[in-house]
Amino acid sequence: MSGARLQELLDRADILDCLTRFCRGMDRFDRDLYLSAFWGDAEMAAGPYVGDVSGCWDWAKPMHEAGQVLTHHLILNHTVEIDGDTAHSEAYYQFVARNHPWEEGGEET
């Protein structure tokens, strides 16, 4: 295996590790872990939210806390295009949650 191919595989693994930290940070409500997945000037699109990653945290965390007992983010399809020092990554994820009961004595869904 060439040195360039090995570096590409290492870069892809680093990018997937960032995506995994994002998921773990959201699922554990751990802001520092979540933010460690991004460059400081990163932008994010998540549902109706588009903007900086700390703003996404501020948008998503209260919504998750109000609505869910627990969350689980799963990485699905993941692509990376690397061109020198620049990489473009796209990942699909599935979000699964256990919701709070809707009324006193109700069952969780």
PDB file of N, CA and C in Angstrom:
ATOM      1  N   MET A   1       0.848  -1.171   0.000  1.00  0.00           N
ATOM      2  CA  MET A   1       0.000   0.000   0.000  1.00  0.00           C
ATOM      3  C   MET A   1       0.894   1.235   0.000  1.00  0.00           C
ATOM      4  N   SER A   2       0.550   2.177  -0.833  1.00  0.00           N
ATOM      5  CA  SER A   2       1.344   3.393  -0.922  1.00  0.00           C
ATOM      6  C   SER A   2       1.115   4.274   0.297  1.00  0.00           C
ATOM      7  N   GLY A   3       2.085   5.148   0.549  1.00  0.00           N
ATOM      8  CA  GLY A   3       1.957   6.088   1.654  1.00  0.00           C
ATOM      9  C   GLY A   3       0.770   7.018   1.475  1.00  0.00           C
ATOM     10  N   ALA A   4       0.502   7.410   0.223  1.00  0.00           N
ATOM     11  CA  ALA A   4      -0.630   8.303  -0.047  1.00  0.00           C
ATOM     12  C   ALA A   4      -1.954   7.606   0.246  1.00  0.00           C
ATOM     13  N   ARG A   5      -2.066   6.341  -0.139  1.00  0.00           N
ATOM     14  CA  ARG A   5      -3.303   5.582   0.115  1.00  0.00           C
ATOM     15  C   ARG A   5      -3.504   5.374   1.619  1.00  0.00           C
ATOM     16  N   LEU A   6      -2.431   5.069   2.325  1.00  0.00           N
ATOM     17  CA  LEU A   6      -2.519   4.901   3.769  1.00  0.00           C
ATOM     18  C   LEU A   6      -2.975   6.204   4.432  1.00  0.00           C
ATOM     19  N   GLN A   7      -2.418   7.333   3.994  1.00  0.00           N
ATOM     20  CA  GLN A   7      -2.822   8.624   4.566  1.00  0.00           C
ATOM     21  C   GLN A   7      -4.298   8.904   4.288  1.00  0.00           C
ATOM     22  N   GLU A   8      -4.762   8.565   3.085  1.00  0.00           N
ATOM     23  CA  GLU A   8      -6.176   8.765   2.755  1.00  0.00           C
ATOM     24  C   GLU A   8      -7.069   7.940   3.687  1.00  0.00           C
ATOM     25  N   LEU A   9      -6.690   6.705   3.947  1.00  0.00           N
ATOM     26  CA  LEU A   9      -7.478   5.859   4.850  1.00  0.00           C
ATOM     27  C   LEU A   9      -7.467   6.409   6.277  1.00  0.00           C
ATOM     28  N   LEU A  10      -6.322   6.909   6.724  1.00  0.00           N
ATOM     29  CA  LEU A  10      -6.244   7.518   8.053  1.00  0.00           C
ATOM     30  C   LEU A  10      -7.109   8.772   8.132  1.00  0.00           C
ATOM     31  N   ASP A  11      -7.095   9.584   7.074  1.00  0.00           N
ATOM     32  CA  ASP A  11      -7.925  10.791   7.043  1.00  0.00           C
ATOM     33  C   ASP A  11      -9.411  10.431   7.085  1.00  0.00           C
ATOM     34  N   ARG A  12      -9.805   9.412   6.330  1.00  0.00           N
ATOM     35  CA  ARG A  12     -11.201   8.965   6.349  1.00  0.00           C
ATOM     36  C   ARG A  12     -11.599   8.484   7.747  1.00  0.00           C
ATOM     37  N   ALA A  13     -10.709   7.751   8.408  1.00  0.00           N
ATOM     38  CA  ALA A  13     -10.990   7.264   9.766  1.00  0.00           C
ATOM     39  C   ALA A  13     -11.143   8.435  10.729  1.00  0.00           C
ATOM     40  N   ASP A  14     -10.307   9.467  10.581  1.00  0.00           N
ATOM     41  CA  ASP A  14     -10.419  10.651  11.447  1.00  0.00           C
ATOM     42  C   ASP A  14     -11.759  11.351  11.256  1.00  0.00           C
ATOM     43  N   ILE A  15     -12.221  11.437  10.016  1.00  0.00           N
ATOM     44  CA  ILE A  15     -13.499  12.089   9.730  1.00  0.00           C
ATOM     45  C   ILE A  15     -14.649  11.276  10.325  1.00  0.00           C
ATOM     46  N   LEU A  16     -14.605   9.962  10.174  1.00  0.00           N
ATOM     47  CA  LEU A  16     -15.644   9.114  10.763  1.00  0.00           C
ATOM     48  C   LEU A  16     -15.628   9.220  12.291  1.00  0.00           C
ATOM     49  N   ASP A  17     -14.433   9.350  12.878  1.00  0.00           N
ATOM     50  CA  ASP A  17     -14.328   9.535  14.328  1.00  0.00           C
ATOM     51  C   ASP A  17     -15.023  10.833  14.761  1.00  0.00           C
ATOM     52  N   CYS A  18     -14.885  11.883  13.975  1.00  0.00           N
ATOM     53  CA  CYS A  18     -15.579  13.142  14.289  1.00  0.00           C
ATOM     54  C   CYS A  18     -17.087  12.947  14.269  1.00  0.00           C
ATOM     55  N   LEU A  19     -17.584  12.229  13.277  1.00  0.00           N
ATOM     56  CA  LEU A  19     -19.022  11.974  13.203  1.00  0.00           C
ATOM     57  C   LEU A  19     -19.506  11.162  14.402  1.00  0.00           C
ATOM     58  N   THR A  20     -18.679  10.220  14.828  1.00  0.00           N
ATOM     59  CA  THR A  20     -19.029   9.402  15.988  1.00  0.00           C
ATOM     60  C   THR A  20     -19.058  10.253  17.256  1.00  0.00           C
ATOM     61  N   ARG A  21     -18.097  11.173  17.398  1.00  0.00           N
ATOM     62  CA  ARG A  21     -18.100  12.074  18.565  1.00  0.00           C
ATOM     63  C   ARG A  21     -19.336  12.958  18.565  1.00  0.00           C
ATOM     64  N   PHE A  22     -19.746  13.420  17.395  1.00  0.00           N
ATOM     65  CA  PHE A  22     -20.986  14.194  17.297  1.00  0.00           C
ATOM     66  C   PHE A  22     -22.151  13.384  17.863  1.00  0.00           C
ATOM     67  N   CYS A  23     -22.288  12.137  17.402  1.00  0.00           N
ATOM     68  CA  CYS A  23     -23.401  11.291  17.862  1.00  0.00           C
ATOM     69  C   CYS A  23     -23.330  11.037  19.363  1.00  0.00           C
ATOM     70  N   ARG A  24     -22.176  10.670  19.856  1.00  0.00           N
ATOM     71  CA  ARG A  24     -22.025  10.408  21.292  1.00  0.00           C
ATOM     72  C   ARG A  24     -22.311  11.657  22.109  1.00  0.00           C
ATOM     73  N   GLY A  25     -21.835  12.802  21.638  1.00  0.00           N
ATOM     74  CA  GLY A  25     -22.077  14.051  22.353  1.00  0.00           C
ATOM     75  C   GLY A  25     -23.552  14.389  22.446  1.00  0.00           C
ATOM     76  N   MET A  26     -24.281  14.209  21.346  1.00  0.00           N
ATOM     77  CA  MET A  26     -25.718  14.465  21.371  1.00  0.00           C
ATOM     78  C   MET A  26     -26.430  13.475  22.282  1.00  0.00           C
ATOM     79  N   ASP A  27     -26.094  12.197  22.159  1.00  0.00           N
ATOM     80  CA  ASP A  27     -26.787  11.163  22.935  1.00  0.00           C
ATOM     81  C   ASP A  27     -26.519  11.276  24.427  1.00  0.00           C
ATOM     82  N   ARG A  28     -25.366  11.789  24.807  1.00  0.00           N
ATOM     83  CA  ARG A  28     -25.012  11.923  26.222  1.00  0.00           C
ATOM     84  C   ARG A  28     -25.228  13.335  26.749  1.00  0.00           C
ATOM     85  N   PHE A  29     -25.793  14.192  25.923  1.00  0.00           N
ATOM     86  CA  PHE A  29     -25.964  15.606  26.267  1.00  0.00           C
ATOM     87  C   PHE A  29     -24.651  16.198  26.774  1.00  0.00           C
ATOM     88  N   ASP A  30     -23.567  15.899  26.054  1.00  0.00           N
ATOM     89  CA  ASP A  30     -22.216  16.335  26.414  1.00  0.00           C
ATOM     90  C   ASP A  30     -21.762  17.369  25.381  1.00  0.00           C
ATOM     91  N   ARG A  31     -21.915  18.634  25.721  1.00  0.00           N
ATOM     92  CA  ARG A  31     -21.611  19.727  24.781  1.00  0.00           C
ATOM     93  C   ARG A  31     -20.152  19.706  24.332  1.00  0.00           C
ATOM     94  N   ASP A  32     -19.210  19.500  25.251  1.00  0.00           N
ATOM     95  CA  ASP A  32     -17.797  19.508  24.884  1.00  0.00           C
ATOM     96  C   ASP A  32     -17.469  18.383  23.910  1.00  0.00           C
ATOM     97  N   LEU A  33     -18.005  17.197  24.146  1.00  0.00           N
ATOM     98  CA  LEU A  33     -17.774  16.075  23.234  1.00  0.00           C
ATOM     99  C   LEU A  33     -18.371  16.378  21.864  1.00  0.00           C
ATOM    100  N   TYR A  34     -19.591  16.896  21.846  1.00  0.00           N
ATOM    101  CA  TYR A  34     -20.244  17.287  20.599  1.00  0.00           C
ATOM    102  C   TYR A  34     -19.390  18.307  19.836  1.00  0.00           C
ATOM    103  N   LEU A  35     -18.963  19.373  20.520  1.00  0.00           N
ATOM    104  CA  LEU A  35     -18.189  20.422  19.847  1.00  0.00           C
ATOM    105  C   LEU A  35     -16.825  19.931  19.383  1.00  0.00           C
ATOM    106  N   SER A  36     -16.263  18.900  20.034  1.00  0.00           N
ATOM    107  CA  SER A  36     -14.951  18.379  19.634  1.00  0.00           C
ATOM    108  C   SER A  36     -14.979  17.736  18.252  1.00  0.00           C
ATOM    109  N   ALA A  37     -16.161  17.525  17.708  1.00  0.00           N
ATOM    110  CA  ALA A  37     -16.287  16.913  16.388  1.00  0.00           C
ATOM    111  C   ALA A  37     -16.118  17.933  15.256  1.00  0.00           C
ATOM    112  N   PHE A  38     -16.007  19.223  15.577  1.00  0.00           N
ATOM    113  CA  PHE A  38     -16.040  20.257  14.550  1.00  0.00           C
ATOM    114  C   PHE A  38     -14.871  21.233  14.666  1.00  0.00           C
ATOM    115  N   TRP A  39     -14.520  21.832  13.538  1.00  0.00           N
ATOM    116  CA  TRP A  39     -13.644  22.995  13.546  1.00  0.00           C
ATOM    117  C   TRP A  39     -14.435  24.140  14.136  1.00  0.00           C
ATOM    118  N   GLY A  40     -13.748  25.105  14.686  1.00  0.00           N
ATOM    119  CA  GLY A  40     -14.414  26.249  15.312  1.00  0.00           C
ATOM    120  C   GLY A  40     -15.311  27.027  14.379  1.00  0.00           C
ATOM    121  N   ASP A  41     -14.993  27.077  13.090  1.00  0.00           N
ATOM    122  CA  ASP A  41     -15.787  27.858  12.140  1.00  0.00           C
ATOM    123  C   ASP A  41     -16.729  26.993  11.296  1.00  0.00           C
ATOM    124  N   ALA A  42     -16.977  25.759  11.737  1.00  0.00           N
ATOM    125  CA  ALA A  42     -17.833  24.844  10.981  1.00  0.00           C
ATOM    126  C   ALA A  42     -19.274  25.338  10.942  1.00  0.00           C
ATOM    127  N   GLU A  43     -19.963  24.985   9.867  1.00  0.00           N
ATOM    128  CA  GLU A  43     -21.390  25.258   9.739  1.00  0.00           C
ATOM    129  C   GLU A  43     -22.114  23.931   9.620  1.00  0.00           C
ATOM    130  N   MET A  44     -23.380  23.929  10.015  1.00  0.00           N
ATOM    131  CA  MET A  44     -24.134  22.688  10.052  1.00  0.00           C
ATOM    132  C   MET A  44     -25.547  22.919   9.554  1.00  0.00           C
ATOM    133  N   ALA A  45     -26.073  21.908   8.870  1.00  0.00           N
ATOM    134  CA  ALA A  45     -27.475  21.887   8.474  1.00  0.00           C
ATOM    135  C   ALA A  45     -28.097  20.650   9.109  1.00  0.00           C
ATOM    136  N   ALA A  46     -29.086  20.852   9.971  1.00  0.00           N
ATOM    137  CA  ALA A  46     -29.761  19.744  10.654  1.00  0.00           C
ATOM    138  C   ALA A  46     -31.245  20.062  10.710  1.00  0.00           C
ATOM    139  N   GLY A  47     -32.018  19.404   9.888  1.00  0.00           N
ATOM    140  CA  GLY A  47     -33.442  19.721   9.827  1.00  0.00           C
ATOM    141  C   GLY A  47     -33.610  21.176   9.432  1.00  0.00           C
ATOM    142  N   PRO A  48     -34.417  21.926  10.161  1.00  0.00           N
ATOM    143  CA  PRO A  48     -34.624  23.330   9.799  1.00  0.00           C
ATOM    144  C   PRO A  48     -33.474  24.244  10.229  1.00  0.00           C
ATOM    145  N   TYR A  49     -32.541  23.722  11.034  1.00  0.00           N
ATOM    146  CA  TYR A  49     -31.446  24.563  11.526  1.00  0.00           C
ATOM    147  C   TYR A  49     -30.307  24.608  10.506  1.00  0.00           C
ATOM    148  N   VAL A  50     -29.826  25.797  10.216  1.00  0.00           N
ATOM    149  CA  VAL A  50     -28.625  26.000   9.406  1.00  0.00           C
ATOM    150  C   VAL A  50     -27.833  27.106  10.089  1.00  0.00           C
ATOM    151  N   GLY A  51     -26.573  26.796  10.440  1.00  0.00           N
ATOM    152  CA  GLY A  51     -25.754  27.805  11.092  1.00  0.00           C
ATOM    153  C   GLY A  51     -24.548  27.190  11.755  1.00  0.00           C
ATOM    154  N   ASP A  52     -23.980  27.893  12.729  1.00  0.00           N
ATOM    155  CA  ASP A  52     -22.779  27.375  13.390  1.00  0.00           C
ATOM    156  C   ASP A  52     -23.136  26.222  14.329  1.00  0.00           C
ATOM    157  N   VAL A  53     -22.131  25.421  14.674  1.00  0.00           N
ATOM    158  CA  VAL A  53     -22.405  24.191  15.421  1.00  0.00           C
ATOM    159  C   VAL A  53     -22.822  24.449  16.868  1.00  0.00           C
ATOM    160  N   SER A  54     -22.312  25.496  17.504  1.00  0.00           N
ATOM    161  CA  SER A  54     -22.753  25.774  18.871  1.00  0.00           C
ATOM    162  C   SER A  54     -24.211  26.218  18.868  1.00  0.00           C
ATOM    163  N   GLY A  55     -24.627  26.927  17.828  1.00  0.00           N
ATOM    164  CA  GLY A  55     -26.030  27.307  17.689  1.00  0.00           C
ATOM    165  C   GLY A  55     -26.924  26.093  17.480  1.00  0.00           C
ATOM    166  N   CYS A  56     -26.409  25.096  16.761  1.00  0.00           N
ATOM    167  CA  CYS A  56     -27.171  23.864  16.569  1.00  0.00           C
ATOM    168  C   CYS A  56     -27.360  23.158  17.909  1.00  0.00           C
ATOM    169  N   TRP A  57     -26.308  23.135  18.726  1.00  0.00           N
ATOM    170  CA  TRP A  57     -26.423  22.546  20.067  1.00  0.00           C
ATOM    171  C   TRP A  57     -27.505  23.274  20.866  1.00  0.00           C
ATOM    172  N   ASP A  58     -27.443  24.615  20.837  1.00  0.00           N
ATOM    173  CA  ASP A  58     -28.404  25.417  21.580  1.00  0.00           C
ATOM    174  C   ASP A  58     -29.836  25.185  21.090  1.00  0.00           C
ATOM    175  N   TRP A  59     -30.006  24.885  19.808  1.00  0.00           N
ATOM    176  CA  TRP A  59     -31.312  24.607  19.230  1.00  0.00           C
ATOM    177  C   TRP A  59     -31.785  23.189  19.581  1.00  0.00           C
ATOM    178  N   ALA A  60     -30.885  22.201  19.464  1.00  0.00           N
ATOM    179  CA  ALA A  60     -31.280  20.795  19.586  1.00  0.00           C
ATOM    180  C   ALA A  60     -31.394  20.305  21.034  1.00  0.00           C
ATOM    181  N   LYS A  61     -30.488  20.719  21.908  1.00  0.00           N
ATOM    182  CA  LYS A  61     -30.460  20.164  23.266  1.00  0.00           C
ATOM    183  C   LYS A  61     -31.766  20.383  24.026  1.00  0.00           C
ATOM    184  N   PRO A  62     -32.295  21.597  24.113  1.00  0.00           N
ATOM    185  CA  PRO A  62     -33.544  21.770  24.853  1.00  0.00           C
ATOM    186  C   PRO A  62     -34.701  20.963  24.250  1.00  0.00           C
ATOM    187  N   MET A  63     -34.705  20.856  22.921  1.00  0.00           N
ATOM    188  CA  MET A  63     -35.753  20.098  22.254  1.00  0.00           C
ATOM    189  C   MET A  63     -35.655  18.613  22.647  1.00  0.00           C
ATOM    190  N   HIS A  64     -34.434  18.075  22.657  1.00  0.00           N
ATOM    191  CA  HIS A  64     -34.248  16.673  23.052  1.00  0.00           C
ATOM    192  C   HIS A  64     -34.591  16.472  24.526  1.00  0.00           C
ATOM    193  N   GLU A  65     -34.143  17.359  25.373  1.00  0.00           N
ATOM    194  CA  GLU A  65     -34.424  17.212  26.813  1.00  0.00           C
ATOM    195  C   GLU A  65     -35.927  17.273  27.102  1.00  0.00           C
ATOM    196  N   ALA A  66     -36.622  18.147  26.393  1.00  0.00           N
ATOM    197  CA  ALA A  66     -38.057  18.283  26.619  1.00  0.00           C
ATOM    198  C   ALA A  66     -38.842  17.092  26.065  1.00  0.00           C
ATOM    199  N   GLY A  67     -38.350  16.521  24.991  1.00  0.00           N
ATOM    200  CA  GLY A  67     -39.120  15.493  24.314  1.00  0.00           C
ATOM    201  C   GLY A  67     -38.700  14.065  24.565  1.00  0.00           C
ATOM    202  N   GLN A  68     -37.421  13.836  24.892  1.00  0.00           N
ATOM    203  CA  GLN A  68     -36.930  12.471  24.960  1.00  0.00           C
ATOM    204  C   GLN A  68     -36.305  12.101  26.303  1.00  0.00           C
ATOM    205  N   VAL A  69     -36.486  10.840  26.670  1.00  0.00           N
ATOM    206  CA  VAL A  69     -35.806  10.253  27.817  1.00  0.00           C
ATOM    207  C   VAL A  69     -34.381   9.897  27.409  1.00  0.00           C
ATOM    208  N   LEU A  70     -34.227   9.397  26.195  1.00  0.00           N
ATOM    209  CA  LEU A  70     -32.905   9.081  25.660  1.00  0.00           C
ATOM    210  C   LEU A  70     -32.926   9.200  24.152  1.00  0.00           C
ATOM    211  N   THR A  71     -31.739   9.391  23.578  1.00  0.00           N
ATOM    212  CA  THR A  71     -31.616   9.470  22.126  1.00  0.00           C
ATOM    213  C   THR A  71     -30.492   8.557  21.662  1.00  0.00           C
ATOM    214  N   HIS A  72     -30.573   8.190  20.390  1.00  0.00           N
ATOM    215  CA  HIS A  72     -29.534   7.344  19.801  1.00  0.00           C
ATOM    216  C   HIS A  72     -29.383   7.755  18.342  1.00  0.00           C
ATOM    217  N   HIS A  73     -28.215   8.312  18.009  1.00  0.00           N
ATOM    218  CA  HIS A  73     -27.901   8.714  16.642  1.00  0.00           C
ATOM    219  C   HIS A  73     -27.027   7.627  16.020  1.00  0.00           C
ATOM    220  N   LEU A  74     -27.415   7.153  14.844  1.00  0.00           N
ATOM    221  CA  LEU A  74     -26.694   6.086  14.155  1.00  0.00           C
ATOM    222  C   LEU A  74     -26.149   6.609  12.829  1.00  0.00           C
ATOM    223  N   ILE A  75     -24.858   6.381  12.572  1.00  0.00           N
ATOM    224  CA  ILE A  75     -24.253   6.759  11.291  1.00  0.00           C
ATOM    225  C   ILE A  75     -24.600   5.688  10.261  1.00  0.00           C
ATOM    226  N   LEU A  76     -25.104   6.115   9.109  1.00  0.00           N
ATOM    227  CA  LEU A  76     -25.440   5.183   8.031  1.00  0.00           C
ATOM    228  C   LEU A  76     -24.457   5.399   6.881  1.00  0.00           C
ATOM    229  N   ASN A  77     -24.938   5.730   5.704  1.00  0.00           N
ATOM    230  CA  ASN A  77     -24.049   5.945   4.569  1.00  0.00           C
ATOM    231  C   ASN A  77     -23.096   7.099   4.855  1.00  0.00           C
ATOM    232  N   HIS A  78     -21.834   6.903   4.496  1.00  0.00           N
ATOM    233  CA  HIS A  78     -20.814   7.908   4.775  1.00  0.00           C
ATOM    234  C   HIS A  78     -19.873   7.971   3.576  1.00  0.00           C
ATOM    235  N   THR A  79     -19.754   9.149   2.994  1.00  0.00           N
ATOM    236  CA  THR A  79     -18.821   9.331   1.881  1.00  0.00           C
ATOM    237  C   THR A  79     -17.849  10.454   2.221  1.00  0.00           C
ATOM    238  N   VAL A  80     -16.659  10.336   1.669  1.00  0.00           N
ATOM    239  CA  VAL A  80     -15.630  11.352   1.842  1.00  0.00           C
ATOM    240  C   VAL A  80     -14.909  11.525   0.506  1.00  0.00           C
ATOM    241  N   GLU A  81     -14.761  12.763   0.089  1.00  0.00           N
ATOM    242  CA  GLU A  81     -13.941  13.089  -1.078  1.00  0.00           C
ATOM    243  C   GLU A  81     -12.781  13.931  -0.578  1.00  0.00           C
ATOM    244  N   ILE A  82     -11.573  13.443  -0.796  1.00  0.00           N
ATOM    245  CA  ILE A  82     -10.375  14.135  -0.316  1.00  0.00           C
ATOM    246  C   ILE A  82      -9.608  14.667  -1.515  1.00  0.00           C
ATOM    247  N   ASP A  83      -9.269  15.955  -1.456  1.00  0.00           N
ATOM    248  CA  ASP A  83      -8.488  16.607  -2.505  1.00  0.00           C
ATOM    249  C   ASP A  83      -7.418  17.442  -1.831  1.00  0.00           C
ATOM    250  N   GLY A  84      -6.240  16.848  -1.648  1.00  0.00           N
ATOM    251  CA  GLY A  84      -5.161  17.547  -0.960  1.00  0.00           C
ATOM    252  C   GLY A  84      -5.496  17.741   0.501  1.00  0.00           C
ATOM    253  N   ASP A  85      -5.503  19.017   0.924  1.00  0.00           N
ATOM    254  CA  ASP A  85      -5.807  19.345   2.323  1.00  0.00           C
ATOM    255  C   ASP A  85      -7.289  19.619   2.569  1.00  0.00           C
ATOM    256  N   THR A  86      -8.123  19.358   1.580  1.00  0.00           N
ATOM    257  CA  THR A  86      -9.547  19.622   1.693  1.00  0.00           C
ATOM    258  C   THR A  86     -10.323  18.314   1.595  1.00  0.00           C
ATOM    259  N   ALA A  87     -11.298  18.165   2.442  1.00  0.00           N
ATOM    260  CA  ALA A  87     -12.167  16.990   2.395  1.00  0.00           C
ATOM    261  C   ALA A  87     -13.615  17.444   2.472  1.00  0.00           C
ATOM    262  N   HIS A  88     -14.455  16.758   1.722  1.00  0.00           N
ATOM    263  CA  HIS A  88     -15.897  16.973   1.782  1.00  0.00           C
ATOM    264  C   HIS A  88     -16.518  15.655   2.193  1.00  0.00           C
ATOM    265  N   SER A  89     -17.317  15.718   3.242  1.00  0.00           N
ATOM    266  CA  SER A  89     -17.927  14.506   3.785  1.00  0.00           C
ATOM    267  C   SER A  89     -19.434  14.672   3.845  1.00  0.00           C
ATOM    268  N   GLU A  90     -20.120  13.574   3.600  1.00  0.00           N
ATOM    269  CA  GLU A  90     -21.565  13.555   3.745  1.00  0.00           C
ATOM    270  C   GLU A  90     -21.926  12.273   4.476  1.00  0.00           C
ATOM    271  N   ALA A  91     -22.820  12.392   5.431  1.00  0.00           N
ATOM    272  CA  ALA A  91     -23.239  11.213   6.185  1.00  0.00           C
ATOM    273  C   ALA A  91     -24.743  11.273   6.413  1.00  0.00           C
ATOM    274  N   TYR A  92     -25.365  10.150   6.243  1.00  0.00           N
ATOM    275  CA  TYR A  92     -26.747   9.995   6.638  1.00  0.00           C
ATOM    276  C   TYR A  92     -26.744   9.445   8.053  1.00  0.00           C
ATOM    277  N   TYR A  93     -27.710   9.860   8.842  1.00  0.00           N
ATOM    278  CA  TYR A  93     -27.823   9.269  10.164  1.00  0.00           C
ATOM    279  C   TYR A  93     -29.281   9.013  10.470  1.00  0.00           C
ATOM    280  N   GLN A  94     -29.473   8.057  11.331  1.00  0.00           N
ATOM    281  CA  GLN A  94     -30.813   7.739  11.793  1.00  0.00           C
ATOM    282  C   GLN A  94     -30.895   8.136  13.256  1.00  0.00           C
ATOM    283  N   PHE A  95     -31.989   8.781  13.593  1.00  0.00           N
ATOM    284  CA  PHE A  95     -32.210   9.233  14.957  1.00  0.00           C
ATOM    285  C   PHE A  95     -33.336   8.411  15.558  1.00  0.00           C
ATOM    286  N   VAL A  96     -33.043   7.767  16.671  1.00  0.00           N
ATOM    287  CA  VAL A  96     -34.033   6.969  17.392  1.00  0.00           C
ATOM    288  C   VAL A  96     -34.121   7.539  18.803  1.00  0.00           C
ATOM    289  N   ALA A  97     -35.334   7.624  19.339  1.00  0.00           N
ATOM    290  CA  ALA A  97     -35.493   8.196  20.677  1.00  0.00           C
ATOM    291  C   ALA A  97     -36.607   7.492  21.436  1.00  0.00           C
ATOM    292  N   ARG A  98     -36.478   7.544  22.738  1.00  0.00           N
ATOM    293  CA  ARG A  98     -37.578   7.142  23.622  1.00  0.00           C
ATOM    294  C   ARG A  98     -38.142   8.440  24.171  1.00  0.00           C
ATOM    295  N   ASN A  99     -39.404   8.681  23.877  1.00  0.00           N
ATOM    296  CA  ASN A  99     -40.042   9.932  24.268  1.00  0.00           C
ATOM    297  C   ASN A  99     -40.531   9.892  25.706  1.00  0.00           C
ATOM    298  N   HIS A 100     -40.634  11.081  26.291  1.00  0.00           N
ATOM    299  CA  HIS A 100     -41.256  11.229  27.607  1.00  0.00           C
ATOM    300  C   HIS A 100     -42.734  10.843  27.480  1.00  0.00           C
ATOM    301  N   PRO A 101     -43.343  10.407  28.578  1.00  0.00           N
ATOM    302  CA  PRO A 101     -44.791  10.177  28.544  1.00  0.00           C
ATOM    303  C   PRO A 101     -45.503  11.491  28.214  1.00  0.00           C
ATOM    304  N   TRP A 102     -46.577  11.406  27.463  1.00  0.00           N
ATOM    305  CA  TRP A 102     -47.289  12.621  27.060  1.00  0.00           C
ATOM    306  C   TRP A 102     -48.198  13.143  28.152  1.00  0.00           C
ATOM    307  N   GLU A 103     -48.630  12.254  29.040  1.00  0.00           N
ATOM    308  CA  GLU A 103     -49.496  12.712  30.127  1.00  0.00           C
ATOM    309  C   GLU A 103     -49.170  11.914  31.390  1.00  0.00           C
ATOM    310  N   GLU A 104     -49.582  12.430  32.497  1.00  0.00           N
ATOM    311  CA  GLU A 104     -49.349  11.778  33.783  1.00  0.00           C
ATOM    312  C   GLU A 104     -49.843  10.337  33.731  1.00  0.00           C
ATOM    313  N   GLY A 105     -48.947   9.394  34.045  1.00  0.00           N
ATOM    314  CA  GLY A 105     -49.309   7.983  34.062  1.00  0.00           C
ATOM    315  C   GLY A 105     -49.320   7.341  32.688  1.00  0.00           C
ATOM    316  N   GLY A 106     -49.030   8.115  31.642  1.00  0.00           N
ATOM    317  CA  GLY A 106     -49.014   7.552  30.293  1.00  0.00           C
ATOM    318  C   GLY A 106     -47.792   6.700  30.055  1.00  0.00           C
ATOM    319  N   GLU A 107     -47.851   5.889  29.025  1.00  0.00           N
ATOM    320  CA  GLU A 107     -46.708   5.042  28.685  1.00  0.00           C
ATOM    321  C   GLU A 107     -45.755   5.803  27.773  1.00  0.00           C
ATOM    322  N   GLU A 108     -44.470   5.509  27.920  1.00  0.00           N
ATOM    323  CA  GLU A 108     -43.486   6.090  27.013  1.00  0.00           C
ATOM    324  C   GLU A 108     -43.625   5.417  25.660  1.00  0.00           C
ATOM    325  N   THR A 109     -43.381   6.178  24.605  1.00  0.00           N
ATOM    326  CA  THR A 109     -43.477   5.616  23.258  1.00  0.00           C
ATOM    327  C   THR A 109     -42.112   5.503  22.652  1.00  0.00           C
TER     328      THR A 109
END
